[in-house]
Amino acid sequence: MLNDKEYMFLALDLARRGEGYVEPNPLVGAVIVKNNRIIGQGWHKYFGGPHAEINAINSVRDHQQLKGATMYLTLEPCTHFGKTPPCTPAVIQSDIKRVVIAIRDPNPLVRGKGIKLIRKSGIKVIEGVLAEEAKDINKPFFKLQQKGLPYVIAKWAMTADGKIATVTGDSKWISSPESRAFAHQLRSKVNGIMVGIHTVLKDDPMLVTWKGRQLNRIIIDSKGRIPLGSNIVRTAKSIPTYIATSKSAYWTKMEHLLKKGCIIVKTAGRHQVNIKELMKQLAAFGINKILAEGGGEIHSSLLTNNLVDEVYIFIAPKVIGGRDTRTPVEGRGIIKMSDALQIKDTTVSLIGGDVLLHGIL
């Protein structure tokens, strides 16, 4: 006979299946149990689609079975109308007698209201089962609700001597094919990808996953130098594309980019993009989980402003050398070692001959 924690673990596993599809909504899983047997389960599958509770209830063929059952939820059910109707009334009307919830929803529109309504209806509610695990899988959602900022993952590949390109700018390929495949898996778990204008000018990328899945593309381009014929601009009408600029960008060029389908995000910086202001604007657009792929000036700006939450660093067993070759984090740098940013909760693994360092900031 499984206990509450084991059923909640199952619900968390279901919730993770929505990663990369539901953002900026939270990952939510639901399991319905009766007489120690799972009779229904569901998860939030895509943004704008039915929530986990509804999918779980609808997975039970005979709704008479719901009477007296227990529902396990990784997040408190909502009480407000959004893309879909609120889930709390459906839970109450299902005749379930007990609801086990991992964590409360931090959204001010919910924040305990769902639990209060369920308890008021006579259903027993248990809170806090695997709360830390449930909060961990929804760090981007919590950051958006509590700080109004996106969750940022910085990723770069470098040689053993800390270089990201040769003296001529050649960078293909530093990392192994296996590492690059892993990087595309990271892309599939976010809803925004960020690069600087130097990356666009040098590589003319598309910034999609290997399976062609489209992401919100964010280009840091202070002076509006992105070519109108680039792959990014050419496909802007079919793939959401944000061009972040400063006051120094020529408005005539911006008008051309707008006609091509780009979304212009003008920040208050005179010559450089105000990265903090940009992040708040991106959060308002619903972009709450961003993979920052550089280059070095972008990483420097994000790290200096304490906007990075997580890092993936691929270290290839290669040495390039060069006094002036590019590094993954440029900018002015720190003065004292005591001011260095500390990566915490680090894990180290081997992937395709490269060393992968992962950690939290």
Protein backbone atom coordinates (compact mmCIF):
# COMPACT_ATOMS: atom_id res chain seq x y z
CA MET A 1 0.00 0.00 0.00
CA LEU A 2 1.51 3.31 -1.10
CA ASN A 3 1.51 6.32 1.22
CA ASP A 4 0.81 9.98 0.52
CA LYS A 5 4.43 10.76 -0.35
CA GLU A 6 4.66 7.96 -2.90
CA TYR A 7 1.48 9.05 -4.66
CA MET A 8 2.74 12.65 -4.64
CA PHE A 9 6.01 11.49 -6.23
CA LEU A 10 3.91 10.06 -9.05
CA ALA A 11 2.06 13.37 -9.40
CA LEU A 12 5.41 15.23 -9.58
CA ASP A 13 6.62 12.89 -12.31
CA LEU A 14 3.47 13.66 -14.28
CA ALA A 15 3.90 17.40 -13.74
CA ARG A 16 7.41 17.35 -15.26
CA ARG A 17 5.97 16.14 -18.57
CA GLY A 18 4.64 19.63 -19.21
CA GLU A 19 8.07 21.28 -19.02
CA GLY A 20 8.67 23.46 -22.04
CA TYR A 21 5.00 23.41 -23.07
CA VAL A 22 3.01 25.09 -20.27
CA GLU A 23 5.16 28.14 -19.53
CA PRO A 24 4.47 30.72 -18.13
CA ASN A 25 1.96 28.51 -16.32
CA PRO A 26 3.21 26.17 -13.59
CA LEU A 27 3.96 22.46 -13.95
CA VAL A 28 1.14 20.56 -12.25
CA GLY A 29 0.38 16.87 -11.89
CA ALA A 30 -2.63 15.09 -10.40
CA VAL A 31 -3.28 11.52 -9.27
CA ILE A 32 -6.65 10.15 -8.09
CA VAL A 33 -6.65 7.14 -5.77
CA LYS A 34 -9.45 4.99 -4.39
CA ASN A 35 -9.11 1.87 -2.26
CA ASN A 36 -5.32 2.01 -2.71
CA ARG A 37 -5.67 1.91 -6.50
CA ILE A 38 -4.92 4.67 -8.99
CA ILE A 39 -8.13 5.36 -10.92
CA GLY A 40 -7.13 8.57 -12.67
CA GLN A 41 -4.18 10.80 -13.47
CA GLY A 42 -3.34 13.87 -15.50
CA TRP A 43 -1.03 16.82 -15.94
CA HIS A 44 -1.08 20.27 -17.47
CA LYS A 45 0.02 19.44 -21.01
CA TYR A 46 0.21 22.78 -22.82
CA PHE A 47 -0.40 26.48 -22.26
CA GLY A 48 -4.07 27.29 -22.70
CA GLY A 49 -5.12 23.65 -22.34
CA PRO A 50 -7.04 21.92 -19.52
CA HIS A 51 -5.28 21.89 -16.17
CA ALA A 52 -4.04 18.78 -14.39
CA GLU A 53 -7.12 18.43 -12.16
CA ILE A 54 -9.49 18.45 -15.13
CA ASN A 55 -7.38 15.98 -17.11
CA ALA A 56 -7.21 13.65 -14.11
CA ILE A 57 -10.97 13.79 -13.49
CA ASN A 58 -11.70 13.25 -17.19
CA SER A 59 -9.38 10.23 -17.25
CA VAL A 60 -11.81 8.39 -14.95
CA ARG A 61 -14.31 6.69 -17.24
CA ASP A 62 -17.00 6.17 -14.60
CA HIS A 63 -17.29 9.36 -12.57
CA GLN A 64 -19.18 7.43 -9.90
CA GLN A 65 -15.77 6.05 -8.91
CA LEU A 66 -14.68 9.52 -7.84
CA LYS A 67 -17.00 9.44 -4.83
CA GLY A 68 -14.87 8.97 -1.73
CA ALA A 69 -11.55 9.08 -3.60
CA THR A 70 -8.36 11.03 -2.77
CA MET A 71 -6.79 13.49 -5.20
CA TYR A 72 -3.05 14.29 -5.04
CA LEU A 73 -2.09 17.69 -6.46
CA THR A 74 1.36 19.19 -6.79
CA LEU A 75 -0.11 22.71 -6.63
CA GLU A 76 -3.23 24.28 -5.14
CA PRO A 77 -6.09 24.38 -7.68
CA CYS A 78 -6.92 27.75 -9.22
CA THR A 79 -10.01 29.80 -8.43
CA HIS A 80 -10.00 32.33 -11.26
CA PHE A 81 -10.87 32.43 -14.94
CA GLY A 82 -7.87 32.58 -17.28
CA LYS A 83 -7.37 30.62 -20.49
CA THR A 84 -9.61 28.00 -18.87
CA PRO A 85 -12.33 28.03 -16.16
CA PRO A 86 -11.23 27.65 -12.50
CA CYS A 87 -10.42 24.11 -11.35
CA THR A 88 -11.55 24.35 -7.71
CA PRO A 89 -15.31 24.00 -8.50
CA ALA A 90 -14.60 20.88 -10.58
CA VAL A 91 -12.70 19.29 -7.68
CA ILE A 92 -15.55 20.11 -5.27
CA GLN A 93 -18.25 18.82 -7.61
CA SER A 94 -16.40 15.57 -8.28
CA ASP A 95 -17.41 14.11 -4.88
CA ILE A 96 -13.78 13.48 -3.92
CA LYS A 97 -13.53 13.29 -0.13
CA ARG A 98 -9.85 14.10 0.42
CA VAL A 99 -7.30 16.32 -1.36
CA VAL A 100 -3.56 16.19 -0.69
CA ILE A 101 -1.71 19.30 -1.90
CA ALA A 102 2.06 19.83 -2.04
CA ILE A 103 2.20 23.64 -2.10
CA ARG A 104 -0.01 26.70 -2.27
CA ASP A 105 -0.18 28.72 -5.46
CA PRO A 106 1.86 31.97 -5.08
CA ASN A 107 -0.33 33.74 -7.64
CA PRO A 108 -2.18 36.57 -5.80
CA LEU A 109 -5.35 35.54 -7.63
CA VAL A 110 -5.23 32.16 -5.82
CA ARG A 111 -2.87 32.06 -2.80
CA GLY A 112 -4.91 29.89 -0.44
CA LYS A 113 -8.35 30.67 -1.87
CA GLY A 114 -8.64 27.28 -3.57
CA ILE A 115 -7.77 25.42 -0.37
CA LYS A 116 -10.21 27.57 1.63
CA LEU A 117 -13.08 26.82 -0.79
CA ILE A 118 -12.33 23.09 -0.82
CA ARG A 119 -12.26 22.91 2.97
CA LYS A 120 -15.46 24.96 3.18
CA SER A 121 -17.18 22.36 0.99
CA GLY A 122 -16.41 19.65 3.58
CA ILE A 123 -13.50 18.01 1.75
CA LYS A 124 -10.50 17.16 3.92
CA VAL A 125 -7.31 18.91 2.78
CA ILE A 126 -3.75 17.86 3.64
CA GLU A 127 -1.00 20.37 2.81
CA GLY A 128 2.78 20.27 2.56
CA VAL A 129 3.44 16.76 1.24
CA LEU A 130 6.75 16.98 -0.72
CA ALA A 131 6.48 20.76 -0.66
CA GLU A 132 10.17 21.39 -1.38
CA GLU A 133 10.18 19.02 -4.35
CA ALA A 134 7.04 20.66 -5.75
CA LYS A 135 8.49 24.14 -5.36
CA ASP A 136 11.77 23.05 -6.96
CA ILE A 137 10.15 21.99 -10.25
CA ASN A 138 8.29 25.31 -10.38
CA LYS A 139 11.13 27.72 -9.60
CA PRO A 140 10.45 29.76 -12.78
CA PHE A 141 6.76 30.14 -11.89
CA PHE A 142 7.57 31.19 -8.31
CA LYS A 143 10.18 33.72 -9.48
CA LEU A 144 7.71 35.23 -11.95
CA GLN A 145 4.98 35.54 -9.31
CA GLN A 146 7.20 36.79 -6.49
CA LYS A 147 9.75 38.97 -8.33
CA GLY A 148 8.21 39.68 -11.71
CA LEU A 149 11.34 38.33 -13.44
CA PRO A 150 12.13 35.35 -15.68
CA TYR A 151 14.15 32.39 -14.47
CA VAL A 152 17.45 32.48 -16.36
CA ILE A 153 19.70 29.54 -17.23
CA ALA A 154 23.12 30.52 -18.61
CA LYS A 155 24.81 27.99 -20.87
CA TRP A 156 28.18 28.03 -22.57
CA ALA A 157 30.82 25.71 -23.99
CA MET A 158 34.49 26.48 -23.50
CA THR A 159 37.90 24.89 -23.83
CA ALA A 160 39.97 23.70 -20.88
CA ASP A 161 41.74 27.07 -20.89
CA GLY A 162 38.46 28.99 -20.75
CA LYS A 163 38.08 30.12 -24.37
CA ILE A 164 34.94 30.18 -26.53
CA ALA A 165 36.58 30.83 -29.91
CA THR A 166 39.97 30.92 -31.61
CA VAL A 167 41.84 34.15 -32.38
CA THR A 168 39.99 34.29 -35.74
CA GLY A 169 36.60 33.83 -34.07
CA ASP A 170 36.14 30.19 -35.12
CA SER A 171 34.04 28.29 -32.55
CA LYS A 172 32.65 25.27 -34.45
CA TRP A 173 32.79 23.05 -32.67
CA ILE A 174 34.20 23.38 -29.17
CA SER A 175 31.90 20.82 -27.57
CA SER A 176 31.10 17.26 -28.63
CA PRO A 177 27.99 16.21 -30.61
CA GLU A 178 26.63 14.64 -27.41
CA SER A 179 27.02 17.93 -25.55
CA ARG A 180 25.28 19.83 -28.34
CA ALA A 181 22.41 17.33 -28.27
CA PHE A 182 22.11 17.88 -24.51
CA ALA A 183 22.05 21.64 -25.09
CA HIS A 184 19.09 21.20 -27.44
CA GLN A 185 17.32 19.24 -24.72
CA LEU A 186 17.80 22.30 -22.50
CA ARG A 187 16.22 24.45 -25.21
CA SER A 188 13.17 22.20 -25.24
CA LYS A 189 12.55 22.95 -21.54
CA VAL A 190 12.40 26.75 -21.75
CA ASN A 191 10.12 29.22 -23.49
CA GLY A 192 12.76 31.77 -24.41
CA ILE A 193 16.28 31.70 -25.86
CA MET A 194 18.61 34.72 -25.64
CA VAL A 195 21.75 35.60 -27.61
CA GLY A 196 23.69 38.73 -28.42
CA ILE A 197 24.02 40.44 -31.77
CA HIS A 198 27.60 39.13 -32.22
CA THR A 199 26.26 35.56 -32.25
CA VAL A 200 23.70 36.49 -34.91
CA LEU A 201 26.24 38.31 -37.08
CA LYS A 202 28.77 35.48 -36.85
CA ASP A 203 26.56 32.36 -37.07
CA ASP A 204 23.22 33.53 -38.57
CA PRO A 205 21.36 31.00 -36.40
CA MET A 206 17.68 30.04 -36.40
CA LEU A 207 17.53 29.46 -32.61
CA VAL A 208 15.10 26.55 -32.63
CA THR A 209 15.46 23.04 -31.23
CA TRP A 210 16.74 20.18 -33.35
CA LYS A 211 13.16 18.96 -33.60
CA GLY A 212 12.15 22.34 -34.98
CA ARG A 213 10.20 23.44 -31.91
CA GLN A 214 9.80 27.19 -31.86
CA LEU A 215 10.87 29.34 -28.91
CA ASN A 216 10.56 33.02 -28.14
CA ARG A 217 13.82 34.37 -29.58
CA ILE A 218 15.43 37.32 -27.80
CA ILE A 219 18.29 39.20 -29.49
CA ILE A 220 20.28 41.77 -27.50
CA ASP A 221 21.06 44.34 -30.20
CA SER A 222 21.73 47.74 -28.61
CA LYS A 223 22.31 49.63 -31.86
CA GLY A 224 19.96 47.70 -34.15
CA ARG A 225 22.62 46.04 -36.29
CA ILE A 226 20.75 42.81 -37.07
CA PRO A 227 20.63 42.27 -40.86
CA LEU A 228 17.17 42.40 -42.42
CA GLY A 229 18.07 39.31 -44.46
CA SER A 230 19.22 37.22 -41.48
CA ASN A 231 17.50 33.93 -40.65
CA ILE A 232 16.15 35.49 -37.44
CA VAL A 233 14.44 38.40 -39.19
CA ARG A 234 13.39 36.37 -42.22
CA THR A 235 11.35 34.01 -40.01
CA ALA A 236 10.09 36.58 -37.48
CA LYS A 237 6.50 36.43 -38.70
CA SER A 238 6.27 32.73 -37.88
CA ILE A 239 8.50 32.56 -34.78
CA PRO A 240 8.11 35.16 -31.97
CA THR A 241 11.23 37.34 -32.17
CA TYR A 242 12.12 40.09 -29.71
CA ILE A 243 14.84 42.61 -30.60
CA ALA A 244 16.06 44.41 -27.46
CA THR A 245 17.60 47.81 -28.21
CA SER A 246 18.87 50.96 -26.51
CA LYS A 247 18.10 54.60 -27.26
CA SER A 248 20.93 54.69 -29.79
CA ALA A 249 19.18 52.32 -32.24
CA TYR A 250 17.99 54.05 -35.43
CA TRP A 251 14.21 54.18 -35.54
CA THR A 252 14.15 53.79 -39.34
CA LYS A 253 15.80 50.38 -38.95
CA MET A 254 13.34 49.52 -36.18
CA GLU A 255 10.42 50.31 -38.51
CA HIS A 256 11.81 47.87 -41.08
CA LEU A 257 12.17 45.21 -38.38
CA LEU A 258 8.59 45.79 -37.25
CA LYS A 259 7.35 45.28 -40.80
CA LYS A 260 9.28 42.00 -40.92
CA GLY A 261 7.39 40.79 -37.83
CA CYS A 262 9.91 41.51 -35.08
CA ILE A 263 8.82 42.79 -31.68
CA ILE A 264 10.97 45.77 -30.64
CA VAL A 265 11.71 46.09 -26.93
CA LYS A 266 13.29 49.51 -26.45
CA THR A 267 14.98 50.00 -23.08
CA ALA A 268 16.09 53.19 -21.34
CA GLY A 269 19.83 52.54 -21.77
CA ARG A 270 21.55 55.25 -23.83
CA HIS A 271 24.06 53.02 -25.64
CA GLN A 272 23.50 49.59 -24.06
CA VAL A 273 20.37 47.55 -23.39
CA ASN A 274 19.18 48.00 -19.83
CA ILE A 275 19.12 44.29 -18.99
CA LYS A 276 17.05 44.61 -15.79
CA GLU A 277 14.38 46.62 -17.57
CA LEU A 278 14.40 44.12 -20.44
CA MET A 279 13.86 41.19 -18.07
CA LYS A 280 10.82 42.84 -16.51
CA GLN A 281 9.36 43.49 -19.94
CA LEU A 282 9.97 39.90 -21.05
CA ALA A 283 8.23 38.63 -17.91
CA ALA A 284 5.25 40.84 -18.77
CA PHE A 285 5.19 39.15 -22.21
CA GLY A 286 4.90 35.78 -20.41
CA ILE A 287 8.48 34.68 -21.06
CA ASN A 288 9.42 33.24 -17.67
CA LYS A 289 12.14 30.69 -18.42
CA ILE A 290 15.08 31.77 -20.57
CA LEU A 291 18.15 29.95 -21.80
CA ALA A 292 20.94 32.50 -22.29
CA GLU A 293 23.47 31.20 -24.81
CA GLY A 294 25.73 34.26 -24.82
CA GLY A 295 28.12 35.53 -25.90
CA GLY A 296 30.46 36.77 -23.25
CA GLU A 297 29.10 40.30 -22.91
CA ILE A 298 25.54 39.00 -22.47
CA HIS A 299 26.62 36.57 -19.78
CA SER A 300 28.61 39.32 -18.07
CA SER A 301 25.62 41.66 -18.04
CA LEU A 302 23.27 38.99 -16.69
CA LEU A 303 25.69 37.79 -14.02
CA THR A 304 26.70 41.29 -12.94
CA ASN A 305 23.05 42.17 -12.39
CA ASN A 306 22.36 38.94 -10.46
CA LEU A 307 19.82 37.77 -13.03
CA VAL A 308 21.17 34.23 -13.57
CA ASP A 309 19.63 31.41 -11.53
CA GLU A 310 21.33 28.34 -12.97
CA VAL A 311 24.38 27.50 -15.12
CA TYR A 312 25.37 24.68 -17.47
CA ILE A 313 29.05 24.86 -18.43
CA PHE A 314 30.48 22.43 -20.99
CA ILE A 315 34.27 22.12 -20.72
CA ALA A 316 35.95 20.48 -23.72
CA PRO A 317 39.36 18.76 -23.36
CA LYS A 318 40.95 21.22 -25.78
CA VAL A 319 43.39 24.12 -25.44
CA ILE A 320 43.23 27.17 -27.73
CA GLY A 321 45.43 29.77 -26.06
CA GLY A 322 45.68 33.37 -27.15
CA ARG A 323 45.97 36.52 -25.09
CA ASP A 324 42.97 38.19 -26.71
CA THR A 325 40.74 35.23 -27.55
CA ARG A 326 37.17 35.45 -26.27
CA THR A 327 35.99 34.11 -22.93
CA PRO A 328 32.47 33.05 -21.86
CA VAL A 329 32.06 35.91 -19.39
CA GLU A 330 33.61 39.18 -20.51
CA GLY A 331 32.88 42.73 -19.32
CA ARG A 332 35.17 44.47 -16.83
CA GLY A 333 35.40 41.58 -14.38
CA ILE A 334 35.71 41.74 -10.60
CA ILE A 335 38.49 43.35 -8.57
CA LYS A 336 38.76 40.91 -5.66
CA MET A 337 38.33 37.14 -5.49
CA SER A 338 36.10 37.70 -2.47
CA ASP A 339 33.59 39.29 -4.86
CA ALA A 340 33.42 36.24 -7.15
CA LEU A 341 29.99 34.73 -7.74
CA GLN A 342 29.77 31.32 -6.11
CA ILE A 343 28.14 28.43 -7.96
CA LYS A 344 26.32 26.22 -5.46
CA ASP A 345 24.84 22.72 -5.42
CA THR A 346 27.27 21.77 -8.17
CA THR A 347 27.22 18.48 -10.04
CA VAL A 348 29.95 17.31 -12.43
CA SER A 349 29.42 14.70 -15.14
CA LEU A 350 31.01 13.46 -18.36
CA ILE A 351 29.16 13.81 -21.64
CA GLY A 352 30.71 12.86 -24.95
CA GLY A 353 34.23 13.43 -23.65
CA ASP A 354 33.35 16.87 -22.23
CA VAL A 355 32.97 17.80 -18.59
CA LEU A 356 29.57 19.25 -17.71
CA LEU A 357 29.39 21.49 -14.65
CA HIS A 358 25.89 22.33 -13.45
CA GLY A 359 24.99 24.50 -10.51
CA ILE A 360 22.75 27.13 -8.94
CA LEU A 361 23.56 30.81 -8.40
